[in-house]
Structures are given as C-alpha cells and as structure tokens.
Amino acid sequence: MSRWWRTAATLSLGAGLGVSASRLWTPASSEEDHQGDGLLGGVPVVPVPRVHASGMTAGPGSSGALMKYGFPSLSNVRTRESYVSSYDPRTRTPSWVIERLSGASVSGTADRKLCDFKEDDSVHVFHRATNTDYRGSGLDRGHMAAAANHKWSQKAMEDTFYLSNVAPQNPHLNHNAWNNLEKLCRSLTRSYANVYVCTGPLYLPRQEADGKLYVRYQVVGRNHVAVPTHFFKVLILERGQGEGVELRSYVLPNEPVDEKLPLEGFLVPIESIERASGLLFVPNIMKRSGVTVHAIAAK
C-alpha cells in the first residue's frame, strides 16, 4: 500500500495536476486549479464530456472507425487488423495503441494458444525489440492492445502479439490489477455501444534524496527496451447514437499492485496523462466549444 502512495505522489509531481474530488474539471480551467491536494487526495474523479458521437460505423478492426476521435500523435503510425498504434523507436515500445471494442469484437473463436510473440519486421532492426530482449529479464511482454479484446478474428488476435504492441511489464501487475482493468474494458461493451481504448507507457519523474526530480527507468536486452514506470489507459465510451460520450482515464504503476484495490482508485484527470505523455487525446471532443465536463465520484 505504501508503495502505491509513493507512486501517486510521483504522478502528482510529474504531471502537476492533482485535483480534489469536490472540484469540477473543465477544459478552460487554469493550471493553478490542478495543483491542489494530489491525485489521491480524495474520491477519484472521472471527466465526462457530454457531447454527441457521429454516426460513423465500421467493422471492429477498421482504422477508419478508430480515427473517429483523432490520434494522440501522428508519429510512426501503424495500422493492424485489430488496432492502430504509434511506435517509439527510442524506447522500442509503442507510444500509444488504440482499439475499438464492442460486444462483437470481444467474442468469437480466436484461440490465444495459436499465437506467438514476434518481432515487427516493419520496424528497422536498429529500433526493434526481440523476444531475446525479454528473456531472463523477470518482466512480462505486456500487451497494450489485449489479445482477449479481439476474439472476433484469429488474425486480429495474432496481430496483438507483435512486439511493437508490447512493453516490459511487472508480472504481478500484468496478471492481476492490469488484467482486471482489461477485463473492465471488455465488460463495458455490455453497457456501451462502443468502447475506444487508448493504452500506452509513461516515464514519470521521482523525487530523490537531494530533493530533485529525475526520470529513471531500466532497459532490458541487447536492444535496450525501455521499462515504463507507469501505464495509462484512456477509455472513450459511446452509449449510442446521439446519447453522448463518457471519458475515463487510468494510470497504474509498473510494479506489484494489490488486485483487491478498486480500479476507481487509479482514475486520474485526462490532463495529467496528456501532460505527462506529451500526447493529446480525443481532440475532436476537447476542441468543441461549450463542452461541459463533470467530475463523477467513484461508486
């Protein structure tokens, strides 16, 4: 538990965006408004833009459907059967991965046992992660786009096993709290027409004994694959045609997390992720004039 509180302090320092639960978050709020009580200084909040989604429809793996809310960045974008991603050649991991989930995409006959982790030949050999890099590291090859999200197609599931969709992840986190978050994403398809999921790594600073902030992270393997300090997930939830959109954003530390802790405790304002990652999310929503964003207390 104490380790998680230190992580929360790290995110607050790195993003400078702690908010209290009683405060409403709005796109026009000042930076001072976000430097209050720390990210876990009260009941977590979920920003919920009340805007209308367009009527665009497409198959589960359509890149056109995934572009509906724009991309967080436009560098090294790759399109797969089941997701769209941006690859960071410096860290040998994705910067972000976007998926579109629905009841149809998370059900089907695709078999994970037929899938193997593989190098991404579209990445230059200088900047590519390999399975050997992970061997003996004590870290898992953690999916950003989860394999179980794409049971609708064997090819779609196999595409999630490219190492360009993977980052080094603490095994306890991968098998427990992170797995629970992935299951939550799939369960939301029962309540929402579409669930857009954007996932990626974070490299956040920690305050050390000299009082200064440093960004330090491990690298593994001959190719020096970067080990993130944290991971984020941003969910865009569509209730249906003309019924509005909700936004949820989570950050988890890349270390053992008690799986009994409620996932609501890892909700953060979307701005904290944007500032820490250098990315911008759902620009087609955020740039609309007159958008009202409500802070919702965890249940």
C-alpha atoms as a PDB file:
ATOM      1  CA  MET A   1       0.000   0.000   0.000  1.00  0.00           C
ATOM      2  CA  SER A   2       2.754   2.441   0.892  1.00  0.00           C
ATOM      3  CA  ARG A   3       4.401   1.785  -2.464  1.00  0.00           C
ATOM      4  CA  TRP A   4       1.206   2.832  -4.260  1.00  0.00           C
ATOM      5  CA  TRP A   5       1.036   6.070  -2.277  1.00  0.00           C
ATOM      6  CA  ARG A   6       4.611   6.853  -3.348  1.00  0.00           C
ATOM      7  CA  THR A   7       3.570   6.204  -6.942  1.00  0.00           C
ATOM      8  CA  ALA A   8       0.611   8.547  -6.586  1.00  0.00           C
ATOM      9  CA  ALA A   9       2.957  11.237  -5.332  1.00  0.00           C
ATOM     10  CA  THR A  10       5.191  10.623  -8.346  1.00  0.00           C
ATOM     11  CA  LEU A  11       2.330  11.142 -10.773  1.00  0.00           C
ATOM     12  CA  SER A  12       1.272  14.285  -8.974  1.00  0.00           C
ATOM     13  CA  LEU A  13       4.809  15.661  -9.175  1.00  0.00           C
ATOM     14  CA  GLY A  14       5.316  14.593 -12.772  1.00  0.00           C
ATOM     15  CA  ALA A  15       2.024  15.905 -14.101  1.00  0.00           C
ATOM     16  CA  GLY A  16       1.391  18.747 -11.648  1.00  0.00           C
ATOM     17  CA  LEU A  17      -2.318  18.131 -11.907  1.00  0.00           C
ATOM     18  CA  GLY A  18      -3.723  16.809  -8.643  1.00  0.00           C
ATOM     19  CA  VAL A  19      -7.360  17.687  -8.100  1.00  0.00           C
ATOM     20  CA  SER A  20      -9.745  17.382  -5.206  1.00  0.00           C
ATOM     21  CA  ALA A  21     -12.888  15.328  -5.587  1.00  0.00           C
ATOM     22  CA  SER A  22     -15.182  18.241  -4.927  1.00  0.00           C
ATOM     23  CA  ARG A  23     -13.848  20.300  -7.847  1.00  0.00           C
ATOM     24  CA  LEU A  24     -15.329  20.266 -11.339  1.00  0.00           C
ATOM     25  CA  TRP A  25     -12.791  19.861 -14.139  1.00  0.00           C
ATOM     26  CA  THR A  26     -13.322  21.947 -17.278  1.00  0.00           C
ATOM     27  CA  PRO A  27     -11.194  22.386 -20.409  1.00  0.00           C
ATOM     28  CA  ALA A  28     -10.701  26.075 -19.673  1.00  0.00           C
ATOM     29  CA  SER A  29      -9.559  25.675 -16.060  1.00  0.00           C
ATOM     30  CA  SER A  30      -6.239  27.230 -15.085  1.00  0.00           C
ATOM     31  CA  GLU A  31      -3.051  25.344 -14.272  1.00  0.00           C
ATOM     32  CA  GLU A  32      -3.277  26.532 -10.698  1.00  0.00           C
ATOM     33  CA  ASP A  33      -6.562  24.678 -10.301  1.00  0.00           C
ATOM     34  CA  HIS A  34      -4.739  21.398 -10.893  1.00  0.00           C
ATOM     35  CA  GLN A  35      -2.059  21.702  -8.248  1.00  0.00           C
ATOM     36  CA  GLY A  36      -4.108  21.017  -5.165  1.00  0.00           C
ATOM     37  CA  ASP A  37      -4.412  18.021  -2.941  1.00  0.00           C
ATOM     38  CA  GLY A  38      -2.713  15.317  -5.041  1.00  0.00           C
ATOM     39  CA  LEU A  39      -4.280  12.731  -7.331  1.00  0.00           C
ATOM     40  CA  LEU A  40      -5.498  10.577  -4.461  1.00  0.00           C
ATOM     41  CA  GLY A  41      -6.298  13.430  -2.107  1.00  0.00           C
ATOM     42  CA  GLY A  42      -9.959  12.458  -2.100  1.00  0.00           C
ATOM     43  CA  VAL A  43     -12.501  10.420  -4.010  1.00  0.00           C
ATOM     44  CA  PRO A  44     -11.198   9.896  -7.582  1.00  0.00           C
ATOM     45  CA  VAL A  45     -12.900  11.748 -10.420  1.00  0.00           C
ATOM     46  CA  VAL A  46     -13.865  10.803 -13.933  1.00  0.00           C
ATOM     47  CA  PRO A  47     -14.129  13.587 -16.535  1.00  0.00           C
ATOM     48  CA  VAL A  48     -17.248  13.018 -18.663  1.00  0.00           C
ATOM     49  CA  PRO A  49     -17.658  15.128 -21.815  1.00  0.00           C
ATOM     50  CA  ARG A  50     -21.354  15.433 -22.698  1.00  0.00           C
ATOM     51  CA  VAL A  51     -21.006  15.601 -26.460  1.00  0.00           C
ATOM     52  CA  HIS A  52     -22.593  13.688 -29.271  1.00  0.00           C
ATOM     53  CA  ALA A  53     -20.819  10.993 -31.246  1.00  0.00           C
ATOM     54  CA  SER A  54     -21.085  10.894 -35.013  1.00  0.00           C
ATOM     55  CA  GLY A  55     -22.959   8.137 -36.782  1.00  0.00           C
ATOM     56  CA  MET A  56     -19.857   6.601 -38.298  1.00  0.00           C
ATOM     57  CA  THR A  57     -19.955   2.815 -38.369  1.00  0.00           C
ATOM     58  CA  ALA A  58     -17.325   0.279 -39.385  1.00  0.00           C
ATOM     59  CA  GLY A  59     -16.088  -3.205 -38.602  1.00  0.00           C
ATOM     60  CA  PRO A  60     -14.359  -3.999 -35.287  1.00  0.00           C
ATOM     61  CA  GLY A  61     -10.870  -3.594 -36.724  1.00  0.00           C
ATOM     62  CA  SER A  62     -11.476  -0.708 -39.118  1.00  0.00           C
ATOM     63  CA  SER A  63      -8.820   2.003 -38.931  1.00  0.00           C
ATOM     64  CA  GLY A  64     -11.476   4.462 -40.109  1.00  0.00           C
ATOM     65  CA  ALA A  65     -13.556   3.763 -37.029  1.00  0.00           C
ATOM     66  CA  LEU A  66     -10.512   4.129 -34.802  1.00  0.00           C
ATOM     67  CA  MET A  67      -9.797   7.587 -36.265  1.00  0.00           C
ATOM     68  CA  LYS A  68     -13.190   8.848 -35.127  1.00  0.00           C
ATOM     69  CA  TYR A  69     -11.761  10.831 -32.195  1.00  0.00           C
ATOM     70  CA  GLY A  70      -8.389  11.557 -33.754  1.00  0.00           C
ATOM     71  CA  PHE A  71      -4.963  10.200 -32.813  1.00  0.00           C
ATOM     72  CA  PRO A  72      -2.956  11.377 -29.784  1.00  0.00           C
ATOM     73  CA  SER A  73       0.019  11.956 -32.127  1.00  0.00           C
ATOM     74  CA  LEU A  74       0.921  11.244 -35.749  1.00  0.00           C
ATOM     75  CA  SER A  75       4.442   9.817 -35.434  1.00  0.00           C
ATOM     76  CA  ASN A  76       5.242   6.309 -36.749  1.00  0.00           C
ATOM     77  CA  VAL A  77       1.574   5.308 -37.015  1.00  0.00           C
ATOM     78  CA  ARG A  78       0.892   1.667 -37.871  1.00  0.00           C
ATOM     79  CA  THR A  79      -2.408   0.012 -38.743  1.00  0.00           C
ATOM     80  CA  ARG A  80      -3.186  -3.581 -37.828  1.00  0.00           C
ATOM     81  CA  GLU A  81      -6.206  -5.817 -38.131  1.00  0.00           C
ATOM     82  CA  SER A  82      -7.267  -5.042 -34.572  1.00  0.00           C
ATOM     83  CA  TYR A  83      -5.680  -1.714 -33.612  1.00  0.00           C
ATOM     84  CA  VAL A  84      -3.757   1.382 -34.664  1.00  0.00           C
ATOM     85  CA  SER A  85      -0.521   2.296 -32.892  1.00  0.00           C
ATOM     86  CA  SER A  86       2.293   4.814 -32.770  1.00  0.00           C
ATOM     87  CA  TYR A  87       5.728   3.285 -32.258  1.00  0.00           C
ATOM     88  CA  ASP A  88       8.588   4.956 -30.380  1.00  0.00           C
ATOM     89  CA  PRO A  89      11.891   3.761 -31.887  1.00  0.00           C
ATOM     90  CA  ARG A  90      13.877   5.197 -28.973  1.00  0.00           C
ATOM     91  CA  THR A  91      12.175   3.120 -26.284  1.00  0.00           C
ATOM     92  CA  ARG A  92      11.389   0.105 -28.542  1.00  0.00           C
ATOM     93  CA  THR A  93       7.809   0.241 -27.270  1.00  0.00           C
ATOM     94  CA  PRO A  94       4.566   1.799 -28.531  1.00  0.00           C
ATOM     95  CA  SER A  95       3.776   5.386 -27.594  1.00  0.00           C
ATOM     96  CA  TRP A  96       0.088   4.539 -27.739  1.00  0.00           C
ATOM     97  CA  VAL A  97      -2.275   1.890 -29.099  1.00  0.00           C
ATOM     98  CA  ILE A  98      -5.945   2.500 -29.932  1.00  0.00           C
ATOM     99  CA  GLU A  99      -8.598  -0.226 -30.109  1.00  0.00           C
ATOM    100  CA  ARG A 100     -12.335  -0.172 -30.704  1.00  0.00           C
ATOM    101  CA  LEU A 101     -14.207  -2.751 -28.636  1.00  0.00           C
ATOM    102  CA  SER A 102     -17.767  -3.910 -28.963  1.00  0.00           C
ATOM    103  CA  GLY A 103     -19.773  -6.944 -27.988  1.00  0.00           C
ATOM    104  CA  ALA A 104     -18.880  -8.469 -31.356  1.00  0.00           C
ATOM    105  CA  SER A 105     -15.116  -7.864 -31.115  1.00  0.00           C
ATOM    106  CA  VAL A 106     -14.657  -9.399 -27.659  1.00  0.00           C
ATOM    107  CA  SER A 107     -16.469 -12.614 -28.545  1.00  0.00           C
ATOM    108  CA  GLY A 108     -15.556 -15.252 -31.084  1.00  0.00           C
ATOM    109  CA  THR A 109     -13.469 -18.358 -31.662  1.00  0.00           C
ATOM    110  CA  ALA A 110      -9.928 -16.941 -31.907  1.00  0.00           C
ATOM    111  CA  ASP A 111      -7.504 -19.083 -29.904  1.00  0.00           C
ATOM    112  CA  ARG A 112      -4.642 -17.481 -27.943  1.00  0.00           C
ATOM    113  CA  LYS A 113      -2.782 -20.807 -27.906  1.00  0.00           C
ATOM    114  CA  LEU A 114      -2.172 -20.400 -31.632  1.00  0.00           C
ATOM    115  CA  CYS A 115      -0.428 -17.041 -31.142  1.00  0.00           C
ATOM    116  CA  ASP A 116       3.261 -16.370 -30.515  1.00  0.00           C
ATOM    117  CA  PHE A 117       5.110 -13.158 -29.708  1.00  0.00           C
ATOM    118  CA  LYS A 118       7.031 -11.993 -32.778  1.00  0.00           C
ATOM    119  CA  GLU A 119       9.273  -9.206 -33.979  1.00  0.00           C
ATOM    120  CA  ASP A 120       7.731  -6.449 -36.061  1.00  0.00           C
ATOM    121  CA  ASP A 121       9.565  -6.553 -39.386  1.00  0.00           C
ATOM    122  CA  SER A 122       8.169  -3.142 -40.314  1.00  0.00           C
ATOM    123  CA  VAL A 123      10.435  -1.617 -37.621  1.00  0.00           C
ATOM    124  CA  HIS A 124      14.080  -1.040 -38.549  1.00  0.00           C
ATOM    125  CA  VAL A 125      16.338  -3.647 -36.993  1.00  0.00           C
ATOM    126  CA  PHE A 126      18.191  -0.923 -35.056  1.00  0.00           C
ATOM    127  CA  HIS A 127      14.975   0.075 -33.274  1.00  0.00           C
ATOM    128  CA  ARG A 128      13.241  -3.267 -32.917  1.00  0.00           C
ATOM    129  CA  ALA A 129      12.558  -5.285 -29.764  1.00  0.00           C
ATOM    130  CA  THR A 130      13.114  -9.041 -29.880  1.00  0.00           C
ATOM    131  CA  ASN A 131      11.980 -11.940 -27.727  1.00  0.00           C
ATOM    132  CA  THR A 132      15.577 -12.381 -26.626  1.00  0.00           C
ATOM    133  CA  ASP A 133      15.491  -8.921 -25.047  1.00  0.00           C
ATOM    134  CA  TYR A 134      12.841 -10.121 -22.599  1.00  0.00           C
ATOM    135  CA  ARG A 135      14.469 -13.457 -21.821  1.00  0.00           C
ATOM    136  CA  GLY A 136      15.767 -13.565 -18.258  1.00  0.00           C
ATOM    137  CA  SER A 137      14.587 -10.015 -17.530  1.00  0.00           C
ATOM    138  CA  GLY A 138      11.989 -11.072 -14.973  1.00  0.00           C
ATOM    139  CA  LEU A 139       9.441  -8.940 -16.853  1.00  0.00           C
ATOM    140  CA  ASP A 140       6.434  -9.922 -18.938  1.00  0.00           C
ATOM    141  CA  ARG A 141       5.761  -8.931 -22.514  1.00  0.00           C
ATOM    142  CA  GLY A 142       2.770  -6.816 -21.593  1.00  0.00           C
ATOM    143  CA  HIS A 143       0.143  -6.260 -24.269  1.00  0.00           C
ATOM    144  CA  MET A 144      -1.063  -2.719 -24.860  1.00  0.00           C
ATOM    145  CA  ALA A 145      -3.905  -3.923 -27.092  1.00  0.00           C
ATOM    146  CA  ALA A 146      -5.021  -7.014 -25.160  1.00  0.00           C
ATOM    147  CA  ALA A 147      -5.286 -10.301 -27.032  1.00  0.00           C
ATOM    148  CA  ALA A 148      -8.614 -11.166 -25.371  1.00  0.00           C
ATOM    149  CA  ASN A 149     -10.115  -7.943 -26.755  1.00  0.00           C
ATOM    150  CA  HIS A 150     -10.029  -9.413 -30.259  1.00  0.00           C
ATOM    151  CA  LYS A 151     -11.601 -12.844 -30.230  1.00  0.00           C
ATOM    152  CA  TRP A 152     -13.580 -11.901 -33.329  1.00  0.00           C
ATOM    153  CA  SER A 153     -10.687 -12.822 -35.646  1.00  0.00           C
ATOM    154  CA  GLN A 154      -7.673 -15.106 -35.362  1.00  0.00           C
ATOM    155  CA  LYS A 155      -5.630 -12.656 -37.452  1.00  0.00           C
ATOM    156  CA  ALA A 156      -6.730  -9.755 -35.226  1.00  0.00           C
ATOM    157  CA  MET A 157      -5.640 -11.637 -32.111  1.00  0.00           C
ATOM    158  CA  GLU A 158      -2.334 -12.667 -33.692  1.00  0.00           C
ATOM    159  CA  ASP A 159      -1.586  -9.024 -34.525  1.00  0.00           C
ATOM    160  CA  THR A 160      -1.636  -8.158 -30.813  1.00  0.00           C
ATOM    161  CA  PHE A 161       1.449 -10.378 -30.382  1.00  0.00           C
ATOM    162  CA  TYR A 162       3.762  -8.114 -32.379  1.00  0.00           C
ATOM    163  CA  LEU A 163       6.431  -6.830 -30.003  1.00  0.00           C
ATOM    164  CA  SER A 164       5.616  -3.329 -31.259  1.00  0.00           C
ATOM    165  CA  ASN A 165       2.365  -3.743 -29.262  1.00  0.00           C
ATOM    166  CA  VAL A 166       4.262  -4.779 -26.131  1.00  0.00           C
ATOM    167  CA  ALA A 167       6.137  -3.130 -23.268  1.00  0.00           C
ATOM    168  CA  PRO A 168       8.077  -4.693 -20.365  1.00  0.00           C
ATOM    169  CA  GLN A 169       5.598  -5.144 -17.524  1.00  0.00           C
ATOM    170  CA  ASN A 170       5.850  -6.314 -13.950  1.00  0.00           C
ATOM    171  CA  PRO A 171       4.419  -9.882 -13.884  1.00  0.00           C
ATOM    172  CA  HIS A 172       2.328  -9.307 -10.759  1.00  0.00           C
ATOM    173  CA  LEU A 173       0.774  -6.202 -12.298  1.00  0.00           C
ATOM    174  CA  ASN A 174       0.202  -7.924 -15.634  1.00  0.00           C
ATOM    175  CA  HIS A 175      -1.560 -10.938 -14.130  1.00  0.00           C
ATOM    176  CA  ASN A 176      -3.646  -9.078 -11.561  1.00  0.00           C
ATOM    177  CA  ALA A 177      -4.564  -5.374 -11.454  1.00  0.00           C
ATOM    178  CA  TRP A 178      -3.766  -4.705 -15.132  1.00  0.00           C
ATOM    179  CA  ASN A 179      -5.654  -7.829 -16.143  1.00  0.00           C
ATOM    180  CA  ASN A 180      -8.610  -6.617 -14.089  1.00  0.00           C
ATOM    181  CA  LEU A 181      -8.531  -3.297 -15.942  1.00  0.00           C
ATOM    182  CA  GLU A 182      -8.534  -5.112 -19.283  1.00  0.00           C
ATOM    183  CA  LYS A 183     -11.500  -7.196 -18.124  1.00  0.00           C
ATOM    184  CA  LEU A 184     -13.289  -4.000 -17.107  1.00  0.00           C
ATOM    185  CA  CYS A 185     -12.812  -2.614 -20.618  1.00  0.00           C
ATOM    186  CA  ARG A 186     -14.406  -5.722 -22.105  1.00  0.00           C
ATOM    187  CA  SER A 187     -17.260  -5.726 -19.607  1.00  0.00           C
ATOM    188  CA  LEU A 188     -18.130  -2.147 -20.561  1.00  0.00           C
ATOM    189  CA  THR A 189     -19.134  -3.373 -24.019  1.00  0.00           C
ATOM    190  CA  ARG A 190     -22.280  -4.717 -22.353  1.00  0.00           C
ATOM    191  CA  SER A 191     -23.310  -1.203 -21.316  1.00  0.00           C
ATOM    192  CA  TYR A 192     -21.910   0.936 -24.142  1.00  0.00           C
ATOM    193  CA  ALA A 193     -22.316   0.692 -27.905  1.00  0.00           C
ATOM    194  CA  ASN A 194     -18.579   1.199 -28.482  1.00  0.00           C
ATOM    195  CA  VAL A 195     -15.583   1.291 -26.167  1.00  0.00           C
ATOM    196  CA  TYR A 196     -12.500   3.012 -27.563  1.00  0.00           C
ATOM    197  CA  VAL A 197      -9.363   2.167 -25.583  1.00  0.00           C
ATOM    198  CA  CYS A 198      -6.046   4.012 -25.855  1.00  0.00           C
ATOM    199  CA  THR A 199      -3.164   2.440 -23.920  1.00  0.00           C
ATOM    200  CA  GLY A 200       0.497   3.271 -23.529  1.00  0.00           C
ATOM    201  CA  PRO A 201       3.565   3.615 -21.306  1.00  0.00           C
ATOM    202  CA  LEU A 202       4.610   6.540 -19.132  1.00  0.00           C
ATOM    203  CA  TYR A 203       8.036   7.537 -17.839  1.00  0.00           C
ATOM    204  CA  LEU A 204       7.421   9.709 -14.792  1.00  0.00           C
ATOM    205  CA  PRO A 205       9.876  11.506 -12.517  1.00  0.00           C
ATOM    206  CA  ARG A 206      10.533  10.658  -8.889  1.00  0.00           C
ATOM    207  CA  GLN A 207      11.842  12.969  -6.232  1.00  0.00           C
ATOM    208  CA  GLU A 208      15.106  11.638  -4.834  1.00  0.00           C
ATOM    209  CA  ALA A 209      17.083  12.292  -1.664  1.00  0.00           C
ATOM    210  CA  ASP A 210      18.590  15.524  -2.969  1.00  0.00           C
ATOM    211  CA  GLY A 211      15.103  16.951  -3.448  1.00  0.00           C
ATOM    212  CA  LYS A 212      15.407  16.992  -7.246  1.00  0.00           C
ATOM    213  CA  LEU A 213      13.201  15.172  -9.735  1.00  0.00           C
ATOM    214  CA  TYR A 214      14.707  12.533 -12.001  1.00  0.00           C
ATOM    215  CA  VAL A 215      13.280  10.325 -14.726  1.00  0.00           C
ATOM    216  CA  ARG A 216      14.985   6.957 -14.309  1.00  0.00           C
ATOM    217  CA  TYR A 217      13.966   3.682 -15.920  1.00  0.00           C
ATOM    218  CA  GLN A 218      15.506   0.302 -16.557  1.00  0.00           C
ATOM    219  CA  VAL A 219      16.297  -1.027 -20.022  1.00  0.00           C
ATOM    220  CA  VAL A 220      16.396  -4.720 -20.884  1.00  0.00           C
ATOM    221  CA  GLY A 221      18.125  -6.815 -23.502  1.00  0.00           C
ATOM    222  CA  ARG A 222      20.692  -6.080 -26.156  1.00  0.00           C
ATOM    223  CA  ASN A 223      18.303  -3.615 -27.782  1.00  0.00           C
ATOM    224  CA  HIS A 224      17.786  -1.647 -24.557  1.00  0.00           C
ATOM    225  CA  VAL A 225      13.996  -1.920 -24.446  1.00  0.00           C
ATOM    226  CA  ALA A 226      12.747   0.721 -22.023  1.00  0.00           C
ATOM    227  CA  VAL A 227      10.820  -0.390 -18.932  1.00  0.00           C
ATOM    228  CA  PRO A 228       7.998   2.115 -18.277  1.00  0.00           C
ATOM    229  CA  THR A 229       7.484   3.472 -14.779  1.00  0.00           C
ATOM    230  CA  HIS A 230       3.694   3.541 -15.320  1.00  0.00           C
ATOM    231  CA  PHE A 231       0.981   2.667 -17.828  1.00  0.00           C
ATOM    232  CA  PHE A 232      -2.133   4.590 -18.854  1.00  0.00           C
ATOM    233  CA  LYS A 233      -5.496   3.629 -20.304  1.00  0.00           C
ATOM    234  CA  VAL A 234      -7.941   6.178 -21.687  1.00  0.00           C
ATOM    235  CA  LEU A 235     -11.488   4.956 -22.361  1.00  0.00           C
ATOM    236  CA  ILE A 236     -13.960   6.721 -24.656  1.00  0.00           C
ATOM    237  CA  LEU A 237     -17.391   5.247 -24.045  1.00  0.00           C
ATOM    238  CA  GLU A 238     -20.277   5.677 -26.502  1.00  0.00           C
ATOM    239  CA  ARG A 239     -23.743   4.938 -25.185  1.00  0.00           C
ATOM    240  CA  GLY A 240     -25.348   5.030 -28.599  1.00  0.00           C
ATOM    241  CA  GLN A 241     -26.374   7.284 -31.436  1.00  0.00           C
ATOM    242  CA  GLY A 242     -26.876  10.797 -30.075  1.00  0.00           C
ATOM    243  CA  GLU A 243     -26.677   9.719 -26.421  1.00  0.00           C
ATOM    244  CA  GLY A 244     -23.315  11.258 -25.617  1.00  0.00           C
ATOM    245  CA  VAL A 245     -19.794  10.158 -24.759  1.00  0.00           C
ATOM    246  CA  GLU A 246     -18.045   9.475 -21.453  1.00  0.00           C
ATOM    247  CA  LEU A 247     -14.316   9.626 -20.815  1.00  0.00           C
ATOM    248  CA  ARG A 248     -12.340   7.708 -18.185  1.00  0.00           C
ATOM    249  CA  SER A 249      -8.563   7.731 -17.720  1.00  0.00           C
ATOM    250  CA  TYR A 250      -6.424   5.435 -15.566  1.00  0.00           C
ATOM    251  CA  VAL A 251      -2.752   5.322 -14.548  1.00  0.00           C
ATOM    252  CA  LEU A 252      -1.158   2.282 -12.859  1.00  0.00           C
ATOM    253  CA  PRO A 253       2.447   1.964 -11.669  1.00  0.00           C
ATOM    254  CA  ASN A 254       4.612  -0.697 -13.287  1.00  0.00           C
ATOM    255  CA  GLU A 255       5.079  -2.577 -10.024  1.00  0.00           C
ATOM    256  CA  PRO A 256       3.056  -5.012  -7.906  1.00  0.00           C
ATOM    257  CA  VAL A 257      -0.377  -3.584  -7.125  1.00  0.00           C
ATOM    258  CA  ASP A 258      -2.836  -5.196  -4.747  1.00  0.00           C
ATOM    259  CA  GLU A 259      -5.526  -6.595  -7.047  1.00  0.00           C
ATOM    260  CA  LYS A 260      -8.069  -6.042  -4.268  1.00  0.00           C
ATOM    261  CA  LEU A 261      -7.709  -2.270  -4.590  1.00  0.00           C
ATOM    262  CA  PRO A 262     -10.673  -0.870  -6.547  1.00  0.00           C
ATOM    263  CA  LEU A 263      -9.764   0.320 -10.036  1.00  0.00           C
ATOM    264  CA  GLU A 264     -11.576   3.584  -9.298  1.00  0.00           C
ATOM    265  CA  GLY A 265      -8.577   4.446  -7.131  1.00  0.00           C
ATOM    266  CA  PHE A 266      -6.441   4.717 -10.277  1.00  0.00           C
ATOM    267  CA  LEU A 267      -8.664   7.192 -12.118  1.00  0.00           C
ATOM    268  CA  VAL A 268      -6.887  10.461 -12.933  1.00  0.00           C
ATOM    269  CA  PRO A 269      -7.816  13.620 -14.856  1.00  0.00           C
ATOM    270  CA  ILE A 270      -7.146  13.227 -18.573  1.00  0.00           C
ATOM    271  CA  GLU A 271      -4.935  16.322 -18.474  1.00  0.00           C
ATOM    272  CA  SER A 272      -2.459  14.574 -16.162  1.00  0.00           C
ATOM    273  CA  ILE A 273      -1.877  11.880 -18.783  1.00  0.00           C
ATOM    274  CA  GLU A 274      -1.679  14.397 -21.624  1.00  0.00           C
ATOM    275  CA  ARG A 275       0.929  16.472 -19.814  1.00  0.00           C
ATOM    276  CA  ALA A 276       2.990  13.502 -18.659  1.00  0.00           C
ATOM    277  CA  SER A 277       2.955  11.693 -22.027  1.00  0.00           C
ATOM    278  CA  GLY A 278       3.225  14.654 -24.400  1.00  0.00           C
ATOM    279  CA  LEU A 279       0.124  13.345 -26.174  1.00  0.00           C
ATOM    280  CA  LEU A 280      -3.276  14.901 -26.801  1.00  0.00           C
ATOM    281  CA  PHE A 281      -6.363  12.722 -26.560  1.00  0.00           C
ATOM    282  CA  VAL A 282      -9.759  12.888 -28.212  1.00  0.00           C
ATOM    283  CA  PRO A 283      -9.108  16.294 -29.824  1.00  0.00           C
ATOM    284  CA  ASN A 284     -12.410  16.210 -31.702  1.00  0.00           C
ATOM    285  CA  ILE A 285     -14.169  16.164 -28.318  1.00  0.00           C
ATOM    286  CA  MET A 286     -11.979  18.538 -26.343  1.00  0.00           C
ATOM    287  CA  LYS A 287     -11.897  21.236 -29.037  1.00  0.00           C
ATOM    288  CA  ARG A 288     -15.675  21.550 -29.245  1.00  0.00           C
ATOM    289  CA  SER A 289     -16.956  24.783 -27.795  1.00  0.00           C
ATOM    290  CA  GLY A 290     -19.312  24.671 -24.841  1.00  0.00           C
ATOM    291  CA  VAL A 291     -18.265  21.199 -23.695  1.00  0.00           C
ATOM    292  CA  THR A 292     -19.246  20.595 -20.073  1.00  0.00           C
ATOM    293  CA  VAL A 293     -17.140  18.085 -18.154  1.00  0.00           C
ATOM    294  CA  HIS A 294     -18.494  16.728 -14.868  1.00  0.00           C
ATOM    295  CA  ALA A 295     -16.407  15.222 -12.088  1.00  0.00           C
ATOM    296  CA  ILE A 296     -18.043  11.934 -11.064  1.00  0.00           C
ATOM    297  CA  ALA A 297     -17.243  10.295  -7.735  1.00  0.00           C
ATOM    298  CA  ALA A 298     -16.297   6.619  -7.780  1.00  0.00           C
ATOM    299  CA  LYS A 299     -19.100   4.284  -6.780  1.00  0.00           C
END
